[in-house]
Amino acid sequence: MSLTRPFHALTAAAVVVAVALGPAALPASAATAQPLPSADQLKSALLTAADLGPGWTEPPVTQSPSPSAGASPSASPSNPVTGCDALSALINMYVTRPGAAIPRAETELDGPNGNPMVTQALAAEPSDQLATDFNSAADALKTCHTITFNAGPSDTVTFTVSPVTLGDRKDAPAVHLDGTLAGVRLNGYVGIERFGTVAMAFGYFERQGSNEQAASMEYRTAVAKVERALGAKAGSTTGPTAVPATPTEGRRV
């Protein structure tokens, strides 16, 4: 059994993208105060199917992944996520409000027959703003124990949320989500990391299984590629070395 597209989009895009950076608008001065990696540079740092090995594919994407894209008409547009107040607030804001015009890149990769699935999002913000957003997301993850996603009457699932360690940095926020939809066990591993002025949100989702070792391996692969491409170590607070000589205006990809 495969996940329906609305639920697939809600869990993959809403959690992974919204948890990294909220949609708060940046001050006008922040847009030019600090050089940031461009959207194209962020895109080059994303995982590809070739990075993950045989059997992985990248589904064609015609627009930036969005939890509202293709959503069920019966889904509540104003409150698709409940439980874990802080985390729900971040996700619901992303669903209902446009994000800030910051450099951003996202990808989704499917394993054989669409299982498992890996999602990754990178976004750049001035250091002070990113620190605020990243800390808010980290606190939201750490205080979450049960969260419910609703993309329609037949696409509602409640996840039990527990902390895990996905990478080498023990203090990098990450959680395991465990739930059941229509008798099918669903598991997810979500982690966020900071690379100076760039935040990464990573998700590993699978059905009828829970492979933390595989999730950790793909997470580490993602971290290593970002470090190489942007010239910034995971957990660092200084800007990546691979940035334009002058600040550039962000755009969505």
C-alpha atoms as a PDB file:
ATOM      1  CA  MET A   1       0.000   0.000   0.000  1.00  0.00           C
ATOM      2  CA  SER A   2       1.329   3.437  -0.887  1.00  0.00           C
ATOM      3  CA  LEU A   3       0.569   6.683   0.875  1.00  0.00           C
ATOM      4  CA  THR A   4      -2.021   8.871  -0.788  1.00  0.00           C
ATOM      5  CA  ARG A   5      -0.513  11.976  -2.354  1.00  0.00           C
ATOM      6  CA  PRO A   6      -2.146  14.508  -0.009  1.00  0.00           C
ATOM      7  CA  PHE A   7      -0.857  12.751   3.082  1.00  0.00           C
ATOM      8  CA  HIS A   8       2.494  12.121   1.400  1.00  0.00           C
ATOM      9  CA  ALA A   9       2.885  15.835   0.687  1.00  0.00           C
ATOM     10  CA  LEU A  10       1.698  16.865   4.150  1.00  0.00           C
ATOM     11  CA  THR A  11       4.096  14.698   6.101  1.00  0.00           C
ATOM     12  CA  ALA A  12       7.094  15.128   3.808  1.00  0.00           C
ATOM     13  CA  ALA A  13       6.869  18.788   2.879  1.00  0.00           C
ATOM     14  CA  ALA A  14       5.128  20.336   5.879  1.00  0.00           C
ATOM     15  CA  VAL A  15       7.248  18.712   8.557  1.00  0.00           C
ATOM     16  CA  VAL A  16      10.587  18.883   6.835  1.00  0.00           C
ATOM     17  CA  VAL A  17      10.311  22.372   5.379  1.00  0.00           C
ATOM     18  CA  ALA A  18       8.328  24.148   8.075  1.00  0.00           C
ATOM     19  CA  VAL A  19      10.336  22.795  10.957  1.00  0.00           C
ATOM     20  CA  ALA A  20      13.569  24.372   9.696  1.00  0.00           C
ATOM     21  CA  LEU A  21      12.517  27.952   9.138  1.00  0.00           C
ATOM     22  CA  GLY A  22       9.321  29.769   9.939  1.00  0.00           C
ATOM     23  CA  PRO A  23       7.616  32.136   7.503  1.00  0.00           C
ATOM     24  CA  ALA A  24       8.374  35.297   9.426  1.00  0.00           C
ATOM     25  CA  ALA A  25       9.308  38.149   7.103  1.00  0.00           C
ATOM     26  CA  LEU A  26      12.901  39.340   7.270  1.00  0.00           C
ATOM     27  CA  PRO A  27      13.650  42.981   8.067  1.00  0.00           C
ATOM     28  CA  ALA A  28      14.459  44.965   4.924  1.00  0.00           C
ATOM     29  CA  SER A  29      17.987  45.663   6.177  1.00  0.00           C
ATOM     30  CA  ALA A  30      18.676  41.954   6.730  1.00  0.00           C
ATOM     31  CA  ALA A  31      18.315  41.169   3.050  1.00  0.00           C
ATOM     32  CA  THR A  32      21.514  43.025   2.185  1.00  0.00           C
ATOM     33  CA  ALA A  33      23.470  43.030   5.448  1.00  0.00           C
ATOM     34  CA  GLN A  34      25.127  39.638   5.044  1.00  0.00           C
ATOM     35  CA  PRO A  35      26.153  37.579   2.000  1.00  0.00           C
ATOM     36  CA  LEU A  36      24.141  34.374   1.714  1.00  0.00           C
ATOM     37  CA  PRO A  37      24.468  31.333  -0.541  1.00  0.00           C
ATOM     38  CA  SER A  38      22.235  31.618  -3.602  1.00  0.00           C
ATOM     39  CA  ALA A  39      19.345  29.251  -4.294  1.00  0.00           C
ATOM     40  CA  ASP A  40      21.461  27.637  -7.021  1.00  0.00           C
ATOM     41  CA  GLN A  41      24.294  27.034  -4.571  1.00  0.00           C
ATOM     42  CA  LEU A  42      21.886  25.470  -2.103  1.00  0.00           C
ATOM     43  CA  LYS A  43      20.466  23.276  -4.863  1.00  0.00           C
ATOM     44  CA  SER A  44      23.956  21.985  -5.656  1.00  0.00           C
ATOM     45  CA  ALA A  45      24.311  20.911  -2.011  1.00  0.00           C
ATOM     46  CA  LEU A  46      21.131  18.787  -2.028  1.00  0.00           C
ATOM     47  CA  LEU A  47      21.163  15.011  -2.183  1.00  0.00           C
ATOM     48  CA  THR A  48      20.567  13.345  -5.544  1.00  0.00           C
ATOM     49  CA  ALA A  49      19.457   9.821  -6.379  1.00  0.00           C
ATOM     50  CA  ALA A  50      23.056   9.008  -7.306  1.00  0.00           C
ATOM     51  CA  ASP A  51      24.173   9.949  -3.769  1.00  0.00           C
ATOM     52  CA  LEU A  52      21.846   7.350  -2.238  1.00  0.00           C
ATOM     53  CA  GLY A  53      22.579   4.451  -4.568  1.00  0.00           C
ATOM     54  CA  PRO A  54      20.809   2.006  -6.914  1.00  0.00           C
ATOM     55  CA  GLY A  55      17.019   1.996  -6.892  1.00  0.00           C
ATOM     56  CA  TRP A  56      16.631   5.608  -5.772  1.00  0.00           C
ATOM     57  CA  THR A  57      14.828   8.049  -8.058  1.00  0.00           C
ATOM     58  CA  GLU A  58      13.905  11.708  -8.048  1.00  0.00           C
ATOM     59  CA  PRO A  59      10.231  12.197  -8.945  1.00  0.00           C
ATOM     60  CA  PRO A  60       9.628  14.996 -11.451  1.00  0.00           C
ATOM     61  CA  VAL A  61       8.769  18.223  -9.657  1.00  0.00           C
ATOM     62  CA  THR A  62       6.854  20.937 -11.477  1.00  0.00           C
ATOM     63  CA  GLN A  63       6.738  23.325  -8.543  1.00  0.00           C
ATOM     64  CA  SER A  64       8.263  23.803  -5.125  1.00  0.00           C
ATOM     65  CA  PRO A  65       6.916  21.065  -2.837  1.00  0.00           C
ATOM     66  CA  SER A  66       4.057  22.387  -0.751  1.00  0.00           C
ATOM     67  CA  PRO A  67       1.815  20.655   1.742  1.00  0.00           C
ATOM     68  CA  SER A  68      -1.165  22.471   0.289  1.00  0.00           C
ATOM     69  CA  ALA A  69      -0.458  21.246  -3.248  1.00  0.00           C
ATOM     70  CA  GLY A  70      -2.967  18.592  -4.167  1.00  0.00           C
ATOM     71  CA  ALA A  71      -4.502  18.618  -0.717  1.00  0.00           C
ATOM     72  CA  SER A  72      -7.829  16.948  -0.158  1.00  0.00           C
ATOM     73  CA  PRO A  73     -10.772  19.351  -0.409  1.00  0.00           C
ATOM     74  CA  SER A  74     -11.989  18.077   2.947  1.00  0.00           C
ATOM     75  CA  ALA A  75      -8.716  18.862   4.698  1.00  0.00           C
ATOM     76  CA  SER A  76      -8.780  21.834   7.021  1.00  0.00           C
ATOM     77  CA  PRO A  77      -6.561  24.522   5.458  1.00  0.00           C
ATOM     78  CA  SER A  78      -6.292  26.422   8.722  1.00  0.00           C
ATOM     79  CA  ASN A  79      -5.478  23.581  11.099  1.00  0.00           C
ATOM     80  CA  PRO A  80      -4.017  20.509   9.349  1.00  0.00           C
ATOM     81  CA  VAL A  81      -1.794  19.644  12.314  1.00  0.00           C
ATOM     82  CA  THR A  82      -2.711  19.323  15.991  1.00  0.00           C
ATOM     83  CA  GLY A  83      -0.826  18.370  19.123  1.00  0.00           C
ATOM     84  CA  CYS A  84       2.625  19.664  20.093  1.00  0.00           C
ATOM     85  CA  ASP A  85       1.519  23.286  20.185  1.00  0.00           C
ATOM     86  CA  ALA A  86       4.860  24.850  19.242  1.00  0.00           C
ATOM     87  CA  LEU A  87       5.559  22.444  16.381  1.00  0.00           C
ATOM     88  CA  SER A  88       1.975  22.567  15.121  1.00  0.00           C
ATOM     89  CA  ALA A  89       2.133  26.362  15.058  1.00  0.00           C
ATOM     90  CA  LEU A  90       5.250  26.282  12.857  1.00  0.00           C
ATOM     91  CA  ILE A  91       3.757  23.774  10.439  1.00  0.00           C
ATOM     92  CA  ASN A  92       0.336  25.422  10.263  1.00  0.00           C
ATOM     93  CA  MET A  93       1.961  28.800   9.575  1.00  0.00           C
ATOM     94  CA  TYR A  94       3.889  27.268   6.689  1.00  0.00           C
ATOM     95  CA  VAL A  95       0.728  25.703   5.286  1.00  0.00           C
ATOM     96  CA  THR A  96      -1.364  28.849   5.456  1.00  0.00           C
ATOM     97  CA  ARG A  97       1.143  31.676   4.922  1.00  0.00           C
ATOM     98  CA  PRO A  98       3.872  32.234   2.308  1.00  0.00           C
ATOM     99  CA  GLY A  99       7.447  32.021   3.493  1.00  0.00           C
ATOM    100  CA  ALA A 100       9.964  34.828   3.419  1.00  0.00           C
ATOM    101  CA  ALA A 101      11.781  35.471   0.132  1.00  0.00           C
ATOM    102  CA  ILE A 102      15.012  33.798   1.193  1.00  0.00           C
ATOM    103  CA  PRO A 103      17.345  31.498  -0.757  1.00  0.00           C
ATOM    104  CA  ARG A 104      15.842  28.005  -0.555  1.00  0.00           C
ATOM    105  CA  ALA A 105      16.154  24.629  -2.243  1.00  0.00           C
ATOM    106  CA  GLU A 106      14.243  21.398  -1.682  1.00  0.00           C
ATOM    107  CA  THR A 107      14.257  17.843  -2.963  1.00  0.00           C
ATOM    108  CA  GLU A 108      12.395  14.560  -2.561  1.00  0.00           C
ATOM    109  CA  LEU A 109      13.909  11.177  -3.360  1.00  0.00           C
ATOM    110  CA  ASP A 110      12.106   7.834  -3.525  1.00  0.00           C
ATOM    111  CA  GLY A 111      13.530   4.404  -2.839  1.00  0.00           C
ATOM    112  CA  PRO A 112      12.381   1.285  -4.742  1.00  0.00           C
ATOM    113  CA  ASN A 113       8.579   1.412  -5.224  1.00  0.00           C
ATOM    114  CA  GLY A 114       8.521   4.702  -3.336  1.00  0.00           C
ATOM    115  CA  ASN A 115       9.653   3.195  -0.029  1.00  0.00           C
ATOM    116  CA  PRO A 116      11.501   4.621   1.807  1.00  0.00           C
ATOM    117  CA  MET A 117      11.399   8.322   0.952  1.00  0.00           C
ATOM    118  CA  VAL A 118      13.967  11.004   1.750  1.00  0.00           C
ATOM    119  CA  THR A 119      13.237  14.722   1.789  1.00  0.00           C
ATOM    120  CA  GLN A 120      15.707  17.548   2.279  1.00  0.00           C
ATOM    121  CA  ALA A 121      15.356  21.301   2.456  1.00  0.00           C
ATOM    122  CA  LEU A 122      18.040  23.976   2.685  1.00  0.00           C
ATOM    123  CA  ALA A 123      17.378  27.625   3.439  1.00  0.00           C
ATOM    124  CA  ALA A 124      19.662  30.587   4.106  1.00  0.00           C
ATOM    125  CA  GLU A 125      19.059  33.508   6.448  1.00  0.00           C
ATOM    126  CA  PRO A 126      21.197  36.142   8.124  1.00  0.00           C
ATOM    127  CA  SER A 127      22.932  34.571  11.100  1.00  0.00           C
ATOM    128  CA  ASP A 128      20.935  36.262  13.870  1.00  0.00           C
ATOM    129  CA  GLN A 129      17.575  35.507  12.249  1.00  0.00           C
ATOM    130  CA  LEU A 130      18.550  31.922  11.535  1.00  0.00           C
ATOM    131  CA  ALA A 131      19.665  31.412  15.136  1.00  0.00           C
ATOM    132  CA  THR A 132      16.252  32.555  16.351  1.00  0.00           C
ATOM    133  CA  ASP A 133      14.322  30.395  13.875  1.00  0.00           C
ATOM    134  CA  PHE A 134      16.553  27.363  14.361  1.00  0.00           C
ATOM    135  CA  ASN A 135      16.303  27.530  18.154  1.00  0.00           C
ATOM    136  CA  SER A 136      12.519  27.834  17.935  1.00  0.00           C
ATOM    137  CA  ALA A 137      12.342  24.763  15.703  1.00  0.00           C
ATOM    138  CA  ALA A 138      14.725  22.828  17.950  1.00  0.00           C
ATOM    139  CA  ASP A 139      12.659  23.646  21.040  1.00  0.00           C
ATOM    140  CA  ALA A 140       9.476  22.657  19.194  1.00  0.00           C
ATOM    141  CA  LEU A 141      10.940  19.256  18.341  1.00  0.00           C
ATOM    142  CA  LYS A 142      12.297  18.642  21.821  1.00  0.00           C
ATOM    143  CA  THR A 143       8.975  19.343  23.531  1.00  0.00           C
ATOM    144  CA  CYS A 144       6.852  17.278  21.115  1.00  0.00           C
ATOM    145  CA  HIS A 145       5.518  13.876  22.191  1.00  0.00           C
ATOM    146  CA  THR A 146       2.379  13.293  20.080  1.00  0.00           C
ATOM    147  CA  ILE A 147       1.315  15.024  16.861  1.00  0.00           C
ATOM    148  CA  THR A 148      -1.593  14.455  14.462  1.00  0.00           C
ATOM    149  CA  PHE A 149      -1.630  15.177  10.716  1.00  0.00           C
ATOM    150  CA  ASN A 150      -4.951  15.568   8.927  1.00  0.00           C
ATOM    151  CA  ALA A 151      -5.149  15.687   5.133  1.00  0.00           C
ATOM    152  CA  GLY A 152      -8.751  14.443   4.953  1.00  0.00           C
ATOM    153  CA  PRO A 153     -11.112  11.893   6.562  1.00  0.00           C
ATOM    154  CA  SER A 154      -9.093   8.888   5.389  1.00  0.00           C
ATOM    155  CA  ASP A 155      -5.684  10.528   5.701  1.00  0.00           C
ATOM    156  CA  THR A 156      -5.368  11.248   9.416  1.00  0.00           C
ATOM    157  CA  VAL A 157      -2.590   9.769  11.503  1.00  0.00           C
ATOM    158  CA  THR A 158      -1.243  10.397  14.990  1.00  0.00           C
ATOM    159  CA  PHE A 159       2.489   9.984  15.494  1.00  0.00           C
ATOM    160  CA  THR A 160       4.269   9.231  18.740  1.00  0.00           C
ATOM    161  CA  VAL A 161       7.365  11.427  18.785  1.00  0.00           C
ATOM    162  CA  SER A 162      10.605  10.492  20.540  1.00  0.00           C
ATOM    163  CA  PRO A 163      14.149  11.931  20.420  1.00  0.00           C
ATOM    164  CA  VAL A 164      16.898  10.196  18.433  1.00  0.00           C
ATOM    165  CA  THR A 165      20.442  10.909  17.298  1.00  0.00           C
ATOM    166  CA  LEU A 166      20.918  10.761  13.526  1.00  0.00           C
ATOM    167  CA  GLY A 167      24.377  12.204  13.006  1.00  0.00           C
ATOM    168  CA  ASP A 168      27.720  12.732  14.695  1.00  0.00           C
ATOM    169  CA  ARG A 169      26.557  15.775  16.644  1.00  0.00           C
ATOM    170  CA  LYS A 170      24.677  14.481  19.670  1.00  0.00           C
ATOM    171  CA  ASP A 171      22.965  17.837  20.230  1.00  0.00           C
ATOM    172  CA  ALA A 172      21.614  18.152  16.669  1.00  0.00           C
ATOM    173  CA  PRO A 173      17.807  18.042  17.070  1.00  0.00           C
ATOM    174  CA  ALA A 174      16.192  14.899  15.646  1.00  0.00           C
ATOM    175  CA  VAL A 175      13.059  12.858  16.337  1.00  0.00           C
ATOM    176  CA  HIS A 176      11.465   9.532  15.441  1.00  0.00           C
ATOM    177  CA  LEU A 177       7.769   9.539  14.429  1.00  0.00           C
ATOM    178  CA  ASP A 178       5.800   6.296  14.772  1.00  0.00           C
ATOM    179  CA  GLY A 179       2.163   5.963  13.665  1.00  0.00           C
ATOM    180  CA  THR A 180      -0.368   3.868  11.755  1.00  0.00           C
ATOM    181  CA  LEU A 181      -2.557   4.791   8.780  1.00  0.00           C
ATOM    182  CA  ALA A 182      -5.249   2.354   7.578  1.00  0.00           C
ATOM    183  CA  GLY A 183      -3.435  -0.517   9.274  1.00  0.00           C
ATOM    184  CA  VAL A 184      -0.088   0.396   7.731  1.00  0.00           C
ATOM    185  CA  ARG A 185       2.743   1.277  10.073  1.00  0.00           C
ATOM    186  CA  LEU A 186       4.435   4.572   9.186  1.00  0.00           C
ATOM    187  CA  ASN A 187       7.783   5.684  10.543  1.00  0.00           C
ATOM    188  CA  GLY A 188       9.669   8.892  10.056  1.00  0.00           C
ATOM    189  CA  TYR A 189      12.978  10.337  11.180  1.00  0.00           C
ATOM    190  CA  VAL A 190      13.270  14.118  11.090  1.00  0.00           C
ATOM    191  CA  GLY A 191      16.430  16.060  11.859  1.00  0.00           C
ATOM    192  CA  ILE A 192      17.545  19.656  11.548  1.00  0.00           C
ATOM    193  CA  GLU A 193      21.074  21.018  11.350  1.00  0.00           C
ATOM    194  CA  ARG A 194      22.772  24.377  10.970  1.00  0.00           C
ATOM    195  CA  PHE A 195      25.702  25.254   8.699  1.00  0.00           C
ATOM    196  CA  GLY A 196      26.470  28.877   9.553  1.00  0.00           C
ATOM    197  CA  THR A 197      23.793  30.883   7.731  1.00  0.00           C
ATOM    198  CA  VAL A 198      22.155  27.774   6.229  1.00  0.00           C
ATOM    199  CA  ALA A 199      19.635  25.499   7.912  1.00  0.00           C
ATOM    200  CA  MET A 200      18.952  21.957   6.745  1.00  0.00           C
ATOM    201  CA  ALA A 201      15.823  19.952   7.436  1.00  0.00           C
ATOM    202  CA  PHE A 202      16.003  16.238   6.647  1.00  0.00           C
ATOM    203  CA  GLY A 203      13.287  13.588   6.620  1.00  0.00           C
ATOM    204  CA  TYR A 204      13.383   9.816   6.158  1.00  0.00           C
ATOM    205  CA  PHE A 205       9.945   8.186   5.852  1.00  0.00           C
ATOM    206  CA  GLU A 206       9.042   4.528   5.421  1.00  0.00           C
ATOM    207  CA  ARG A 207       6.045   2.229   5.704  1.00  0.00           C
ATOM    208  CA  GLN A 208       5.913  -1.232   7.261  1.00  0.00           C
ATOM    209  CA  GLY A 209       9.342  -0.826   8.807  1.00  0.00           C
ATOM    210  CA  SER A 210      11.561   1.276  11.031  1.00  0.00           C
ATOM    211  CA  ASN A 211      15.208   1.404  10.005  1.00  0.00           C
ATOM    212  CA  GLU A 212      16.979   3.953  12.152  1.00  0.00           C
ATOM    213  CA  GLN A 213      20.371   2.797  10.872  1.00  0.00           C
ATOM    214  CA  ALA A 214      19.392   3.541   7.266  1.00  0.00           C
ATOM    215  CA  ALA A 215      17.911   6.906   8.256  1.00  0.00           C
ATOM    216  CA  SER A 216      21.126   7.794  10.067  1.00  0.00           C
ATOM    217  CA  MET A 217      23.243   6.768   7.081  1.00  0.00           C
ATOM    218  CA  GLU A 218      21.269   8.950   4.651  1.00  0.00           C
ATOM    219  CA  TYR A 219      21.283  11.839   7.132  1.00  0.00           C
ATOM    220  CA  ARG A 220      25.065  11.626   7.441  1.00  0.00           C
ATOM    221  CA  THR A 221      25.361  11.530   3.652  1.00  0.00           C
ATOM    222  CA  ALA A 222      23.257  14.702   3.459  1.00  0.00           C
ATOM    223  CA  VAL A 223      25.334  16.486   6.107  1.00  0.00           C
ATOM    224  CA  ALA A 224      28.621  15.551   4.439  1.00  0.00           C
ATOM    225  CA  LYS A 225      27.457  16.825   1.045  1.00  0.00           C
ATOM    226  CA  VAL A 226      26.311  20.168   2.457  1.00  0.00           C
ATOM    227  CA  GLU A 227      29.630  20.586   4.258  1.00  0.00           C
ATOM    228  CA  ARG A 228      31.561  19.919   1.052  1.00  0.00           C
ATOM    229  CA  ALA A 229      29.381  22.060  -1.192  1.00  0.00           C
ATOM    230  CA  LEU A 230      29.051  25.098   1.062  1.00  0.00           C
ATOM    231  CA  GLY A 231      32.310  24.984   2.996  1.00  0.00           C
ATOM    232  CA  ALA A 232      30.706  25.078   6.440  1.00  0.00           C
ATOM    233  CA  LYS A 233      30.769  22.494   9.204  1.00  0.00           C
ATOM    234  CA  ALA A 234      27.606  21.127  10.790  1.00  0.00           C
ATOM    235  CA  GLY A 235      26.787  23.103  13.918  1.00  0.00           C
ATOM    236  CA  SER A 236      28.879  26.123  12.922  1.00  0.00           C
ATOM    237  CA  THR A 237      27.589  29.648  13.480  1.00  0.00           C
ATOM    238  CA  THR A 238      29.808  31.400  10.928  1.00  0.00           C
ATOM    239  CA  GLY A 239      28.725  31.776   7.313  1.00  0.00           C
ATOM    240  CA  PRO A 240      29.690  29.230   4.619  1.00  0.00           C
ATOM    241  CA  THR A 241      32.797  30.018   2.601  1.00  0.00           C
ATOM    242  CA  ALA A 242      31.064  29.210  -0.709  1.00  0.00           C
ATOM    243  CA  VAL A 243      28.950  32.371  -0.924  1.00  0.00           C
ATOM    244  CA  PRO A 244      28.649  35.108  -3.557  1.00  0.00           C
ATOM    245  CA  ALA A 245      31.044  38.044  -3.310  1.00  0.00           C
ATOM    246  CA  THR A 246      28.050  40.324  -2.771  1.00  0.00           C
ATOM    247  CA  PRO A 247      24.666  39.573  -1.219  1.00  0.00           C
ATOM    248  CA  THR A 248      22.058  38.206  -3.587  1.00  0.00           C
ATOM    249  CA  GLU A 249      18.320  38.256  -3.403  1.00  0.00           C
ATOM    250  CA  GLY A 250      16.802  34.871  -2.531  1.00  0.00           C
ATOM    251  CA  ARG A 251      14.262  33.026  -4.604  1.00  0.00           C
ATOM    252  CA  ARG A 252      12.372  29.779  -4.307  1.00  0.00           C
ATOM    253  CA  VAL A 253      13.272  26.837  -6.482  1.00  0.00           C
END
